[in-house]
């Protein structure tokens, strides 16, 4: 049996809760790809997408002056993180293979609980 999202509509009228643009066209900023959320996943997505776009110059040019933008509701990227700041650097090493461990923005290794 195939299930489709349209078989389960939301329990409200989506048009009543979707934010409408309040800016005039001259105040809007057109972007190619908008990533919502500047947490670890959003920032990793933006970084990796820009790395891939560097190799696809025609595609990058077709996305306009701002090929990738990140929208964050907090005052700064990651403002809503509740992490204990224990980070496994494997993902950083994959995103930035040319950086040395001393270049990562960490205070120091965690050597005990």
N, C-alpha and C. Protein backbone atom coordinates (compact mmCIF):
# COMPACT_ATOMS: atom_id res chain seq x y z
N UNK A 1 0.84 -1.18 0.00
CA UNK A 1 0.00 0.00 0.00
C UNK A 1 0.89 1.25 0.00
N UNK A 2 0.64 2.16 -0.91
CA UNK A 2 1.39 3.41 -0.99
C UNK A 2 0.64 4.50 -0.23
N UNK A 3 1.39 5.22 0.59
CA UNK A 3 0.80 6.32 1.36
C UNK A 3 1.39 7.62 0.85
N UNK A 4 0.54 8.59 0.67
CA UNK A 4 0.95 9.90 0.18
C UNK A 4 0.68 10.95 1.25
N UNK A 5 1.57 11.97 1.38
CA UNK A 5 1.31 13.04 2.36
C UNK A 5 -0.04 13.73 2.14
N UNK A 6 -0.50 13.76 0.89
CA UNK A 6 -1.77 14.43 0.62
C UNK A 6 -2.95 13.69 1.25
N UNK A 7 -2.75 12.43 1.62
CA UNK A 7 -3.81 11.68 2.28
C UNK A 7 -3.96 12.09 3.75
N UNK A 8 -2.98 12.83 4.25
CA UNK A 8 -3.00 13.25 5.64
C UNK A 8 -2.77 14.76 5.73
N UNK A 9 -3.76 15.56 5.34
CA UNK A 9 -3.57 17.01 5.38
C UNK A 9 -3.46 17.51 6.82
N UNK A 10 -2.81 18.68 7.01
CA UNK A 10 -2.69 19.22 8.36
C UNK A 10 -4.07 19.57 8.92
N UNK A 11 -4.20 19.59 10.25
CA UNK A 11 -5.50 19.87 10.87
C UNK A 11 -5.84 21.36 10.91
N UNK A 12 -5.29 22.15 10.00
CA UNK A 12 -5.56 23.58 9.94
C UNK A 12 -5.40 24.02 8.50
N UNK A 13 -5.81 25.23 8.22
CA UNK A 13 -5.68 25.79 6.87
C UNK A 13 -4.27 26.35 6.72
N UNK A 14 -3.40 25.74 5.91
CA UNK A 14 -2.02 26.22 5.78
C UNK A 14 -1.93 27.68 5.36
N UNK A 15 -2.85 28.16 4.55
CA UNK A 15 -2.81 29.55 4.10
C UNK A 15 -2.98 30.52 5.27
N UNK A 16 -3.60 30.07 6.35
CA UNK A 16 -3.82 30.97 7.49
C UNK A 16 -2.58 31.14 8.36
N UNK A 17 -1.59 30.26 8.23
CA UNK A 17 -0.41 30.36 9.08
C UNK A 17 0.89 30.63 8.31
N UNK A 18 0.85 30.59 7.00
CA UNK A 18 2.05 30.84 6.22
C UNK A 18 2.33 32.34 6.20
N UNK A 19 3.56 32.68 6.54
CA UNK A 19 3.95 34.09 6.57
C UNK A 19 3.97 34.64 5.15
N UNK A 20 3.39 35.77 4.99
CA UNK A 20 3.40 36.46 3.70
C UNK A 20 4.49 37.52 3.72
N UNK A 21 5.03 37.82 2.57
CA UNK A 21 6.08 38.82 2.50
C UNK A 21 5.51 40.19 2.87
N UNK A 22 6.20 40.87 3.77
CA UNK A 22 5.80 42.22 4.15
C UNK A 22 6.75 43.25 3.56
N UNK A 23 7.75 42.77 2.82
CA UNK A 23 8.71 43.68 2.21
C UNK A 23 8.33 43.95 0.77
N UNK A 24 8.58 45.16 0.34
CA UNK A 24 8.36 45.47 -1.06
C UNK A 24 9.44 44.79 -1.89
N UNK A 25 9.20 44.65 -3.17
CA UNK A 25 10.13 43.92 -4.05
C UNK A 25 11.54 44.51 -4.01
N UNK A 26 11.67 45.82 -3.85
CA UNK A 26 13.00 46.43 -3.84
C UNK A 26 13.75 46.18 -2.53
N UNK A 27 13.08 45.67 -1.49
CA UNK A 27 13.72 45.37 -0.21
C UNK A 27 14.01 43.88 -0.06
N UNK A 28 13.56 43.07 -1.00
CA UNK A 28 13.78 41.64 -0.91
C UNK A 28 15.15 41.28 -1.46
N UNK A 29 15.71 40.20 -0.95
CA UNK A 29 17.02 39.73 -1.37
C UNK A 29 16.85 38.36 -2.02
N UNK A 30 16.97 38.28 -3.35
CA UNK A 30 16.83 36.98 -4.01
C UNK A 30 18.05 36.10 -3.74
N UNK A 31 17.78 34.86 -3.36
CA UNK A 31 18.85 33.90 -3.10
C UNK A 31 18.58 32.63 -3.90
N UNK A 32 19.65 31.90 -4.20
CA UNK A 32 19.50 30.66 -4.95
C UNK A 32 18.94 29.55 -4.09
N UNK A 33 19.57 29.32 -2.93
CA UNK A 33 19.15 28.28 -1.99
C UNK A 33 19.10 28.92 -0.61
N UNK A 34 17.97 28.77 0.07
CA UNK A 34 17.82 29.30 1.43
C UNK A 34 17.81 28.13 2.41
N UNK A 35 18.73 28.16 3.35
CA UNK A 35 18.80 27.14 4.39
C UNK A 35 18.27 27.77 5.66
N UNK A 36 17.26 27.15 6.24
CA UNK A 36 16.63 27.68 7.45
C UNK A 36 17.26 27.00 8.66
N UNK A 37 17.92 27.81 9.48
CA UNK A 37 18.55 27.32 10.69
C UNK A 37 20.06 27.29 10.58
N UNK A 38 20.73 27.99 11.49
CA UNK A 38 22.19 28.06 11.48
C UNK A 38 22.78 27.21 12.59
N UNK A 39 22.15 26.06 12.83
CA UNK A 39 22.73 25.10 13.76
C UNK A 39 23.76 24.26 13.01
N UNK A 40 24.24 23.21 13.63
CA UNK A 40 25.27 22.39 12.99
C UNK A 40 24.85 21.84 11.63
N UNK A 41 23.63 21.35 11.51
CA UNK A 41 23.20 20.77 10.23
C UNK A 41 23.05 21.84 9.15
N UNK A 42 22.45 22.98 9.50
CA UNK A 42 22.28 24.05 8.53
C UNK A 42 23.60 24.62 8.04
N UNK A 43 24.52 24.83 8.97
CA UNK A 43 25.82 25.37 8.58
C UNK A 43 26.62 24.35 7.77
N UNK A 44 26.56 23.08 8.16
CA UNK A 44 27.26 22.05 7.39
C UNK A 44 26.68 21.96 5.99
N UNK A 45 25.38 22.07 5.87
CA UNK A 45 24.73 22.04 4.57
C UNK A 45 25.20 23.21 3.71
N UNK A 46 25.22 24.40 4.27
CA UNK A 46 25.65 25.58 3.52
C UNK A 46 27.11 25.47 3.09
N UNK A 47 27.96 25.01 3.99
CA UNK A 47 29.39 24.88 3.68
C UNK A 47 29.59 23.87 2.56
N UNK A 48 28.95 22.71 2.70
CA UNK A 48 29.14 21.65 1.69
C UNK A 48 28.55 22.07 0.35
N UNK A 49 27.41 22.72 0.36
CA UNK A 49 26.80 23.17 -0.89
C UNK A 49 27.70 24.18 -1.59
N UNK A 50 28.28 25.10 -0.85
CA UNK A 50 29.19 26.07 -1.47
C UNK A 50 30.46 25.38 -2.00
N UNK A 51 30.95 24.38 -1.27
CA UNK A 51 32.10 23.62 -1.78
C UNK A 51 31.76 22.95 -3.11
N UNK A 52 30.58 22.36 -3.20
CA UNK A 52 30.16 21.71 -4.44
C UNK A 52 29.94 22.72 -5.56
N UNK A 53 29.38 23.88 -5.21
CA UNK A 53 29.12 24.91 -6.23
C UNK A 53 30.41 25.50 -6.78
N UNK A 54 31.50 25.47 -6.01
CA UNK A 54 32.77 25.97 -6.52
C UNK A 54 33.24 25.18 -7.74
N UNK A 55 32.84 23.93 -7.81
CA UNK A 55 33.21 23.08 -8.94
C UNK A 55 32.23 23.21 -10.11
N UNK A 56 31.05 23.76 -9.84
CA UNK A 56 30.00 23.93 -10.86
C UNK A 56 29.76 25.42 -11.08
N UNK A 57 30.68 26.07 -11.76
CA UNK A 57 30.63 27.53 -11.87
C UNK A 57 29.40 28.03 -12.62
N UNK A 58 28.95 27.30 -13.64
CA UNK A 58 27.75 27.74 -14.37
C UNK A 58 26.52 27.66 -13.49
N UNK A 59 26.39 26.58 -12.75
CA UNK A 59 25.25 26.43 -11.84
C UNK A 59 25.29 27.51 -10.77
N UNK A 60 26.48 27.75 -10.20
CA UNK A 60 26.62 28.78 -9.17
C UNK A 60 26.22 30.14 -9.72
N UNK A 61 26.65 30.46 -10.93
CA UNK A 61 26.30 31.75 -11.54
C UNK A 61 24.80 31.86 -11.79
N UNK A 62 24.16 30.74 -12.11
CA UNK A 62 22.72 30.78 -12.38
C UNK A 62 21.90 31.02 -11.12
N UNK A 63 22.51 30.82 -9.94
CA UNK A 63 21.80 31.01 -8.68
C UNK A 63 21.85 32.46 -8.19
N UNK A 64 22.48 33.35 -8.94
CA UNK A 64 22.47 34.76 -8.61
C UNK A 64 23.63 35.21 -7.74
N UNK A 65 23.52 36.44 -7.23
CA UNK A 65 24.57 37.04 -6.42
C UNK A 65 24.76 36.32 -5.09
N UNK A 66 23.69 35.74 -4.59
CA UNK A 66 23.73 35.02 -3.31
C UNK A 66 23.28 33.58 -3.56
N UNK A 67 24.20 32.71 -3.99
CA UNK A 67 23.79 31.35 -4.33
C UNK A 67 23.29 30.55 -3.12
N UNK A 68 23.83 30.83 -1.93
CA UNK A 68 23.41 30.13 -0.72
C UNK A 68 23.28 31.15 0.41
N UNK A 69 22.16 31.09 1.12
CA UNK A 69 21.96 31.97 2.28
C UNK A 69 21.45 31.12 3.44
N UNK A 70 21.80 31.54 4.65
CA UNK A 70 21.34 30.85 5.86
C UNK A 70 20.50 31.83 6.67
N UNK A 71 19.32 31.40 7.05
CA UNK A 71 18.40 32.23 7.83
C UNK A 71 18.33 31.66 9.25
N UNK A 72 18.60 32.50 10.24
CA UNK A 72 18.61 32.05 11.63
C UNK A 72 17.76 32.98 12.47
N UNK A 73 16.92 32.43 13.33
CA UNK A 73 16.07 33.27 14.18
C UNK A 73 16.80 33.77 15.42
N UNK A 74 17.88 33.13 15.78
CA UNK A 74 18.64 33.54 16.95
C UNK A 74 19.52 34.75 16.67
N UNK A 75 20.16 35.24 17.70
CA UNK A 75 21.03 36.41 17.56
C UNK A 75 22.33 36.08 16.85
N UNK A 76 22.72 34.80 16.84
CA UNK A 76 23.96 34.37 16.20
C UNK A 76 23.80 32.91 15.81
N UNK A 77 24.63 32.40 14.91
CA UNK A 77 24.52 30.99 14.51
C UNK A 77 24.66 30.06 15.71
N UNK A 78 23.74 29.13 15.81
CA UNK A 78 23.78 28.16 16.90
C UNK A 78 23.27 28.69 18.22
N UNK A 79 22.55 29.80 18.21
CA UNK A 79 22.09 30.43 19.45
C UNK A 79 21.17 29.53 20.27
N UNK A 80 20.51 28.60 19.63
CA UNK A 80 19.55 27.76 20.35
C UNK A 80 20.07 26.37 20.65
N UNK A 81 21.36 26.17 20.53
CA UNK A 81 21.93 24.85 20.82
C UNK A 81 21.94 24.60 22.32
N UNK A 82 21.66 23.40 22.68
CA UNK A 82 21.70 23.02 24.09
C UNK A 82 22.78 21.97 24.33
N UNK A 83 23.77 21.97 23.48
CA UNK A 83 24.84 20.98 23.56
C UNK A 83 25.72 21.22 24.78
N UNK A 84 26.30 20.17 25.24
CA UNK A 84 27.29 20.28 26.32
C UNK A 84 28.65 20.60 25.76
N UNK A 85 28.71 20.93 24.48
CA UNK A 85 29.94 21.33 23.79
C UNK A 85 30.94 20.19 23.67
N UNK A 86 30.47 18.96 23.70
CA UNK A 86 31.34 17.82 23.42
C UNK A 86 31.14 17.50 21.95
N UNK A 87 32.18 17.69 21.16
CA UNK A 87 32.06 17.59 19.71
C UNK A 87 33.00 16.53 19.19
N UNK A 88 32.46 15.64 18.38
CA UNK A 88 33.29 14.68 17.68
C UNK A 88 33.76 15.36 16.40
N UNK A 89 35.05 15.56 16.21
CA UNK A 89 35.55 16.34 15.07
C UNK A 89 35.53 15.63 13.72
N UNK A 90 34.95 14.43 13.65
CA UNK A 90 34.93 13.69 12.38
C UNK A 90 34.25 14.49 11.28
N UNK A 91 33.11 15.10 11.58
CA UNK A 91 32.39 15.87 10.57
C UNK A 91 33.19 17.08 10.11
N UNK A 92 33.88 17.75 11.03
CA UNK A 92 34.72 18.89 10.66
C UNK A 92 35.85 18.44 9.73
N UNK A 93 36.42 17.30 10.04
CA UNK A 93 37.52 16.79 9.19
C UNK A 93 37.03 16.47 7.78
N UNK A 94 35.78 16.00 7.66
CA UNK A 94 35.23 15.70 6.33
C UNK A 94 34.92 16.98 5.57
N UNK A 95 34.37 17.98 6.27
CA UNK A 95 34.03 19.25 5.61
C UNK A 95 35.27 20.05 5.25
N UNK A 96 36.27 20.01 6.09
CA UNK A 96 37.49 20.80 5.90
C UNK A 96 38.72 19.88 5.93
N UNK A 97 38.92 19.09 4.88
CA UNK A 97 40.02 18.11 4.91
C UNK A 97 41.41 18.73 4.96
N UNK A 98 41.56 19.99 4.59
CA UNK A 98 42.88 20.62 4.57
C UNK A 98 43.27 21.27 5.90
N UNK A 99 42.35 21.33 6.85
CA UNK A 99 42.67 21.95 8.14
C UNK A 99 43.37 20.96 9.05
N UNK A 100 44.30 21.49 9.85
CA UNK A 100 44.96 20.68 10.87
C UNK A 100 44.09 20.69 12.12
N UNK A 101 44.26 19.71 12.98
CA UNK A 101 43.48 19.65 14.21
C UNK A 101 43.63 20.92 15.04
N UNK A 102 44.79 21.55 14.99
CA UNK A 102 45.00 22.77 15.77
C UNK A 102 44.21 23.96 15.22
N UNK A 103 43.70 23.84 13.99
CA UNK A 103 42.92 24.93 13.39
C UNK A 103 41.43 24.87 13.75
N UNK A 104 40.97 23.76 14.32
CA UNK A 104 39.56 23.63 14.66
C UNK A 104 39.23 24.52 15.85
N UNK A 105 38.02 25.07 15.88
CA UNK A 105 37.65 26.01 16.95
C UNK A 105 37.22 25.33 18.23
N UNK A 106 38.06 24.47 18.78
CA UNK A 106 37.74 23.77 20.00
C UNK A 106 38.69 24.23 21.11
N UNK A 107 38.21 24.20 22.35
CA UNK A 107 39.07 24.59 23.47
C UNK A 107 40.10 23.54 23.78
N UNK A 108 39.76 22.28 23.64
CA UNK A 108 40.70 21.22 23.92
C UNK A 108 40.01 19.88 23.90
N UNK A 109 40.79 18.83 23.90
CA UNK A 109 40.20 17.50 23.86
C UNK A 109 39.52 17.15 25.18
N UNK A 110 38.50 16.32 25.10
CA UNK A 110 37.83 15.82 26.30
C UNK A 110 38.51 14.51 26.66
N UNK A 111 39.12 14.48 27.83
CA UNK A 111 39.87 13.28 28.19
C UNK A 111 39.24 12.49 29.34
N UNK A 112 38.14 13.00 29.89
CA UNK A 112 37.43 12.25 30.93
C UNK A 112 35.98 12.74 31.00
N UNK A 113 35.14 11.98 31.68
CA UNK A 113 33.72 12.28 31.81
C UNK A 113 33.54 13.61 32.54
